[in-house]
PDB file of N, CA and C in Angstrom:
ATOM      1  N   MET A   1      91.335  87.909  33.322  1.00  0.00           N
ATOM      2  CA  MET A   1      90.327  87.253  32.394  1.00  0.00           C
ATOM      3  C   MET A   1      90.315  85.796  32.671  1.00  0.00           C
ATOM      4  N   ASN A   2      89.148  85.224  32.627  1.00  0.00           N
ATOM      5  CA  ASN A   2      88.921  83.810  32.886  1.00  0.00           C
ATOM      6  C   ASN A   2      88.377  83.134  31.618  1.00  0.00           C
ATOM      7  N   THR A   3      88.694  81.874  31.502  1.00  0.00           N
ATOM      8  CA  THR A   3      88.226  81.043  30.382  1.00  0.00           C
ATOM      9  C   THR A   3      87.435  79.892  30.945  1.00  0.00           C
ATOM     10  N   ILE A   4      86.274  79.616  30.330  1.00  0.00           N
ATOM     11  CA  ILE A   4      85.453  78.452  30.819  1.00  0.00           C
ATOM     12  C   ILE A   4      85.382  77.436  29.694  1.00  0.00           C
ATOM     13  N   GLN A   5      85.696  76.174  29.996  1.00  0.00           N
ATOM     14  CA  GLN A   5      85.710  75.090  29.023  1.00  0.00           C
ATOM     15  C   GLN A   5      84.633  74.046  29.489  1.00  0.00           C
ATOM     16  N   LYS A   6      83.772  73.645  28.547  1.00  0.00           N
ATOM     17  CA  LYS A   6      82.827  72.523  28.796  1.00  0.00           C
ATOM     18  C   LYS A   6      83.565  71.186  28.661  1.00  0.00           C
ATOM     19  N   ILE A   7      83.433  70.402  29.657  1.00  0.00           N
ATOM     20  CA  ILE A   7      84.091  69.077  29.662  1.00  0.00           C
ATOM     21  C   ILE A   7      83.097  68.047  30.226  1.00  0.00           C
ATOM     22  N   HIS A   8      83.541  66.762  30.220  1.00  0.00           N
ATOM     23  CA  HIS A   8      82.787  65.715  30.869  1.00  0.00           C
ATOM     24  C   HIS A   8      83.401  65.554  32.309  1.00  0.00           C
ATOM     25  N   CYS A   9      82.568  65.383  33.309  1.00  0.00           N
ATOM     26  CA  CYS A   9      83.006  65.236  34.635  1.00  0.00           C
ATOM     27  C   CYS A   9      83.835  63.939  34.729  1.00  0.00           C
ATOM     28  N   PRO A  10      85.005  64.023  35.394  1.00  0.00           N
ATOM     29  CA  PRO A  10      85.886  62.794  35.567  1.00  0.00           C
ATOM     30  C   PRO A  10      85.283  61.858  36.632  1.00  0.00           C
ATOM     31  N   ASN A  11      84.267  62.351  37.404  1.00  0.00           N
ATOM     32  CA  ASN A  11      83.666  61.512  38.434  1.00  0.00           C
ATOM     33  C   ASN A  11      82.447  60.821  37.914  1.00  0.00           C
ATOM     34  N   CYS A  12      81.560  61.514  37.251  1.00  0.00           N
ATOM     35  CA  CYS A  12      80.218  60.873  36.897  1.00  0.00           C
ATOM     36  C   CYS A  12      79.975  60.885  35.366  1.00  0.00           C
ATOM     37  N   GLY A  13      80.761  61.630  34.590  1.00  0.00           N
ATOM     38  CA  GLY A  13      80.598  61.704  33.162  1.00  0.00           C
ATOM     39  C   GLY A  13      79.617  62.758  32.622  1.00  0.00           C
ATOM     40  N   SER A  14      78.919  63.425  33.542  1.00  0.00           N
ATOM     41  CA  SER A  14      77.964  64.454  33.064  1.00  0.00           C
ATOM     42  C   SER A  14      78.757  65.669  32.570  1.00  0.00           C
ATOM     43  N   GLU A  15      77.970  66.587  32.006  1.00  0.00           N
ATOM     44  CA  GLU A  15      78.600  67.828  31.535  1.00  0.00           C
ATOM     45  C   GLU A  15      79.112  68.649  32.718  1.00  0.00           C
ATOM     46  N   ALA A  16      80.293  69.109  32.704  1.00  0.00           N
ATOM     47  CA  ALA A  16      80.904  69.873  33.782  1.00  0.00           C
ATOM     48  C   ALA A  16      81.664  71.068  33.128  1.00  0.00           C
ATOM     49  N   GLU A  17      82.254  71.905  34.009  1.00  0.00           N
ATOM     50  CA  GLU A  17      83.009  73.048  33.543  1.00  0.00           C
ATOM     51  C   GLU A  17      84.401  73.105  34.127  1.00  0.00           C
ATOM     52  N   ARG A  18      85.289  73.577  33.325  1.00  0.00           N
ATOM     53  CA  ARG A  18      86.688  73.777  33.826  1.00  0.00           C
ATOM     54  C   ARG A  18      86.971  75.291  33.661  1.00  0.00           C
ATOM     55  N   HIS A  19      87.224  75.941  34.755  1.00  0.00           N
ATOM     56  CA  HIS A  19      87.490  77.351  34.771  1.00  0.00           C
ATOM     57  C   HIS A  19      89.002  77.594  34.907  1.00  0.00           C
ATOM     58  N   TYR A  20      89.563  78.327  33.960  1.00  0.00           N
ATOM     59  CA  TYR A  20      90.936  78.744  34.064  1.00  0.00           C
ATOM     60  C   TYR A  20      90.978  80.191  34.612  1.00  0.00           C
ATOM     61  N   ILE A  21      91.480  80.353  35.812  1.00  0.00           N
ATOM     62  CA  ILE A  21      91.461  81.627  36.496  1.00  0.00           C
ATOM     63  C   ILE A  21      92.847  82.172  36.473  1.00  0.00           C
ATOM     64  N   PHE A  22      93.158  83.023  35.468  1.00  0.00           N
ATOM     65  CA  PHE A  22      94.490  83.500  35.230  1.00  0.00           C
ATOM     66  C   PHE A  22      95.056  84.423  36.313  1.00  0.00           C
ATOM     67  N   ASP A  23      94.210  85.281  36.959  1.00  0.00           N
ATOM     68  CA  ASP A  23      94.679  86.179  37.949  1.00  0.00           C
ATOM     69  C   ASP A  23      95.384  85.440  39.121  1.00  0.00           C
ATOM     70  N   SER A  24      94.755  84.262  39.544  1.00  0.00           N
ATOM     71  CA  SER A  24      95.362  83.520  40.659  1.00  0.00           C
ATOM     72  C   SER A  24      96.010  82.297  40.217  1.00  0.00           C
ATOM     73  N   GLN A  25      96.194  82.061  38.924  1.00  0.00           N
ATOM     74  CA  GLN A  25      96.895  80.888  38.388  1.00  0.00           C
ATOM     75  C   GLN A  25      96.260  79.547  38.927  1.00  0.00           C
ATOM     76  N   LEU A  26      94.912  79.502  38.858  1.00  0.00           N
ATOM     77  CA  LEU A  26      94.234  78.278  39.295  1.00  0.00           C
ATOM     78  C   LEU A  26      93.367  77.741  38.194  1.00  0.00           C
ATOM     79  N   THR A  27      93.074  76.441  38.281  1.00  0.00           N
ATOM     80  CA  THR A  27      92.122  75.756  37.382  1.00  0.00           C
ATOM     81  C   THR A  27      91.128  75.118  38.257  1.00  0.00           C
ATOM     82  N   ARG A  28      89.859  75.432  38.030  1.00  0.00           N
ATOM     83  CA  ARG A  28      88.770  74.868  38.884  1.00  0.00           C
ATOM     84  C   ARG A  28      87.897  73.975  38.002  1.00  0.00           C
ATOM     85  N   THR A  29      87.749  72.774  38.325  1.00  0.00           N
ATOM     86  CA  THR A  29      86.847  71.804  37.621  1.00  0.00           C
ATOM     87  C   THR A  29      85.655  71.550  38.554  1.00  0.00           C
ATOM     88  N   GLN A  30      84.488  71.761  37.991  1.00  0.00           N
ATOM     89  CA  GLN A  30      83.287  71.523  38.851  1.00  0.00           C
ATOM     90  C   GLN A  30      82.130  70.870  38.081  1.00  0.00           C
ATOM     91  N   CYS A  31      81.367  70.088  38.726  1.00  0.00           N
ATOM     92  CA  CYS A  31      80.237  69.423  38.146  1.00  0.00           C
ATOM     93  C   CYS A  31      78.977  69.658  39.005  1.00  0.00           C
ATOM     94  N   PRO A  32      77.945  70.209  38.405  1.00  0.00           N
ATOM     95  CA  PRO A  32      76.750  70.436  39.180  1.00  0.00           C
ATOM     96  C   PRO A  32      75.902  69.173  39.404  1.00  0.00           C
ATOM     97  N   SER A  33      76.154  68.111  38.619  1.00  0.00           N
ATOM     98  CA  SER A  33      75.407  66.898  38.785  1.00  0.00           C
ATOM     99  C   SER A  33      75.800  66.094  39.983  1.00  0.00           C
ATOM    100  N   CYS A  34      77.080  65.925  40.219  1.00  0.00           N
ATOM    101  CA  CYS A  34      77.557  65.083  41.320  1.00  0.00           C
ATOM    102  C   CYS A  34      78.284  65.876  42.440  1.00  0.00           C
ATOM    103  N   ASP A  35      78.419  67.182  42.229  1.00  0.00           N
ATOM    104  CA  ASP A  35      79.079  68.058  43.198  1.00  0.00           C
ATOM    105  C   ASP A  35      80.615  67.865  43.270  1.00  0.00           C
ATOM    106  N   TYR A  36      81.169  67.355  42.171  1.00  0.00           N
ATOM    107  CA  TYR A  36      82.638  67.162  42.038  1.00  0.00           C
ATOM    108  C   TYR A  36      83.270  68.527  42.008  1.00  0.00           C
ATOM    109  N   LEU A  37      84.450  68.671  42.718  1.00  0.00           N
ATOM    110  CA  LEU A  37      85.245  69.873  42.672  1.00  0.00           C
ATOM    111  C   LEU A  37      86.692  69.591  42.744  1.00  0.00           C
ATOM    112  N   MET A  38      87.456  70.134  41.875  1.00  0.00           N
ATOM    113  CA  MET A  38      88.965  70.008  41.943  1.00  0.00           C
ATOM    114  C   MET A  38      89.568  71.350  41.579  1.00  0.00           C
ATOM    115  N   ILE A  39      90.393  71.878  42.466  1.00  0.00           N
ATOM    116  CA  ILE A  39      91.085  73.136  42.193  1.00  0.00           C
ATOM    117  C   ILE A  39      92.567  72.851  42.245  1.00  0.00           C
ATOM    118  N   ASN A  40      93.242  73.156  41.107  1.00  0.00           N
ATOM    119  CA  ASN A  40      94.669  72.862  40.932  1.00  0.00           C
ATOM    120  C   ASN A  40      95.369  74.231  40.667  1.00  0.00           C
ATOM    121  N   CYS A  41      96.684  74.228  41.058  1.00  0.00           N
ATOM    122  CA  CYS A  41      97.576  75.320  40.654  1.00  0.00           C
ATOM    123  C   CYS A  41      97.922  75.103  39.223  1.00  0.00           C
ATOM    124  N   THR A  42      97.718  76.101  38.356  1.00  0.00           N
ATOM    125  CA  THR A  42      97.993  75.995  36.950  1.00  0.00           C
ATOM    126  C   THR A  42      99.541  75.878  36.671  1.00  0.00           C
ATOM    127  N   VAL A  43     100.295  76.453  37.555  1.00  0.00           N
ATOM    128  CA  VAL A  43     101.772  76.398  37.337  1.00  0.00           C
ATOM    129  C   VAL A  43     102.394  75.080  37.758  1.00  0.00           C
ATOM    130  N   THR A  44     102.052  74.628  38.998  1.00  0.00           N
ATOM    131  CA  THR A  44     102.722  73.417  39.536  1.00  0.00           C
ATOM    132  C   THR A  44     101.885  72.133  39.303  1.00  0.00           C
ATOM    133  N   GLY A  45     100.577  72.285  39.113  1.00  0.00           N
ATOM    134  CA  GLY A  45      99.695  71.143  38.937  1.00  0.00           C
ATOM    135  C   GLY A  45      99.298  70.558  40.298  1.00  0.00           C
ATOM    136  N   LYS A  46      99.709  71.113  41.410  1.00  0.00           N
ATOM    137  CA  LYS A  46      99.377  70.664  42.723  1.00  0.00           C
ATOM    138  C   LYS A  46      97.886  70.855  42.994  1.00  0.00           C
ATOM    139  N   VAL A  47      97.273  69.927  43.735  1.00  0.00           N
ATOM    140  CA  VAL A  47      95.849  70.022  44.112  1.00  0.00           C
ATOM    141  C   VAL A  47      95.755  70.979  45.259  1.00  0.00           C
ATOM    142  N   ILE A  48      94.933  71.974  45.148  1.00  0.00           N
ATOM    143  CA  ILE A  48      94.705  72.969  46.218  1.00  0.00           C
ATOM    144  C   ILE A  48      93.531  72.495  47.068  1.00  0.00           C
ATOM    145  N   GLU A  49      92.467  72.077  46.400  1.00  0.00           N
ATOM    146  CA  GLU A  49      91.254  71.615  47.053  1.00  0.00           C
ATOM    147  C   GLU A  49      90.578  70.550  46.183  1.00  0.00           C
ATOM    148  N   ALA A  50      89.964  69.540  46.868  1.00  0.00           N
ATOM    149  CA  ALA A  50      89.327  68.504  46.015  1.00  0.00           C
ATOM    150  C   ALA A  50      88.101  67.934  46.827  1.00  0.00           C
ATOM    151  N   TYR A  51      87.092  67.676  46.121  1.00  0.00           N
ATOM    152  CA  TYR A  51      85.886  67.060  46.780  1.00  0.00           C
ATOM    153  C   TYR A  51      85.229  66.215  45.653  1.00  0.00           C
ATOM    154  N   ALA A  52      85.117  64.925  45.912  1.00  0.00           N
ATOM    155  CA  ALA A  52      84.511  64.024  44.916  1.00  0.00           C
ATOM    156  C   ALA A  52      83.629  62.961  45.650  1.00  0.00           C
ATOM    157  N   PRO A  53      82.358  63.313  45.846  1.00  0.00           N
ATOM    158  CA  PRO A  53      81.473  62.378  46.540  1.00  0.00           C
ATOM    159  C   PRO A  53      81.362  61.107  45.778  1.00  0.00           C
ATOM    160  N   GLY A  54      81.316  60.009  46.423  1.00  0.00           N
ATOM    161  CA  GLY A  54      81.163  58.703  45.761  1.00  0.00           C
ATOM    162  C   GLY A  54      82.466  58.016  45.462  1.00  0.00           C
ATOM    163  N   ILE A  55      83.575  58.717  45.643  1.00  0.00           N
ATOM    164  CA  ILE A  55      84.839  58.043  45.436  1.00  0.00           C
ATOM    165  C   ILE A  55      85.444  57.657  46.772  1.00  0.00           C
ATOM    166  N   ASN A  56      85.571  56.371  47.001  1.00  0.00           N
ATOM    167  CA  ASN A  56      86.063  55.848  48.267  1.00  0.00           C
ATOM    168  C   ASN A  56      87.599  55.897  48.220  1.00  0.00           C
ATOM    169  N   VAL A  57      88.244  56.709  48.998  1.00  0.00           N
ATOM    170  CA  VAL A  57      89.702  56.827  49.006  1.00  0.00           C
ATOM    171  C   VAL A  57      90.357  55.528  49.399  1.00  0.00           C
ATOM    172  N   LYS A  58      89.876  54.836  50.436  1.00  0.00           N
ATOM    173  CA  LYS A  58      90.448  53.618  50.879  1.00  0.00           C
ATOM    174  C   LYS A  58      90.403  52.548  49.757  1.00  0.00           C
ATOM    175  N   LYS A  59      89.267  52.518  49.045  1.00  0.00           N
ATOM    176  CA  LYS A  59      89.153  51.505  47.979  1.00  0.00           C
ATOM    177  C   LYS A  59      90.127  51.861  46.863  1.00  0.00           C
ATOM    178  N   GLN A  60      90.334  53.119  46.513  1.00  0.00           N
ATOM    179  CA  GLN A  60      91.209  53.554  45.473  1.00  0.00           C
ATOM    180  C   GLN A  60      92.647  53.124  45.799  1.00  0.00           C
ATOM    181  N   PHE A  61      93.074  53.309  47.005  1.00  0.00           N
ATOM    182  CA  PHE A  61      94.403  52.937  47.443  1.00  0.00           C
ATOM    183  C   PHE A  61      94.610  51.480  47.442  1.00  0.00           C
ATOM    184  N   SER A  62      93.598  50.692  47.887  1.00  0.00           N
ATOM    185  CA  SER A  62      93.783  49.226  47.961  1.00  0.00           C
ATOM    186  C   SER A  62      93.824  48.610  46.543  1.00  0.00           C
ATOM    187  N   LEU A  63      93.182  49.260  45.574  1.00  0.00           N
ATOM    188  CA  LEU A  63      93.297  48.760  44.224  1.00  0.00           C
ATOM    189  C   LEU A  63      94.686  48.975  43.683  1.00  0.00           C
ATOM    190  N   LYS A  64      95.351  50.083  44.016  1.00  0.00           N
ATOM    191  CA  LYS A  64      96.672  50.343  43.499  1.00  0.00           C
ATOM    192  C   LYS A  64      97.736  49.493  44.162  1.00  0.00           C
ATOM    193  N   VAL A  65      97.500  49.086  45.418  1.00  0.00           N
ATOM    194  CA  VAL A  65      98.503  48.343  46.179  1.00  0.00           C
ATOM    195  C   VAL A  65      98.583  46.941  45.707  1.00  0.00           C
ATOM    196  N   LYS A  66      97.549  46.367  45.255  1.00  0.00           N
ATOM    197  CA  LYS A  66      97.504  44.919  44.822  1.00  0.00           C
ATOM    198  C   LYS A  66      98.372  44.637  43.632  1.00  0.00           C
TER     199      LYS A  66
END
């Protein structure tokens, strides 16, 4: 059985969905507005797959280093 939760996208703020997939112990967060995708292991919290257009990885790391 799966559960779907309506949330705000962590990337753009639009309405998005979080799917709790119990059979495979995964959580999938997706946004149709900006194409954000994050798949996490529900047990460990580790990221399995991620795609977030518009987020510059180099910029994010440089902000944390300073």
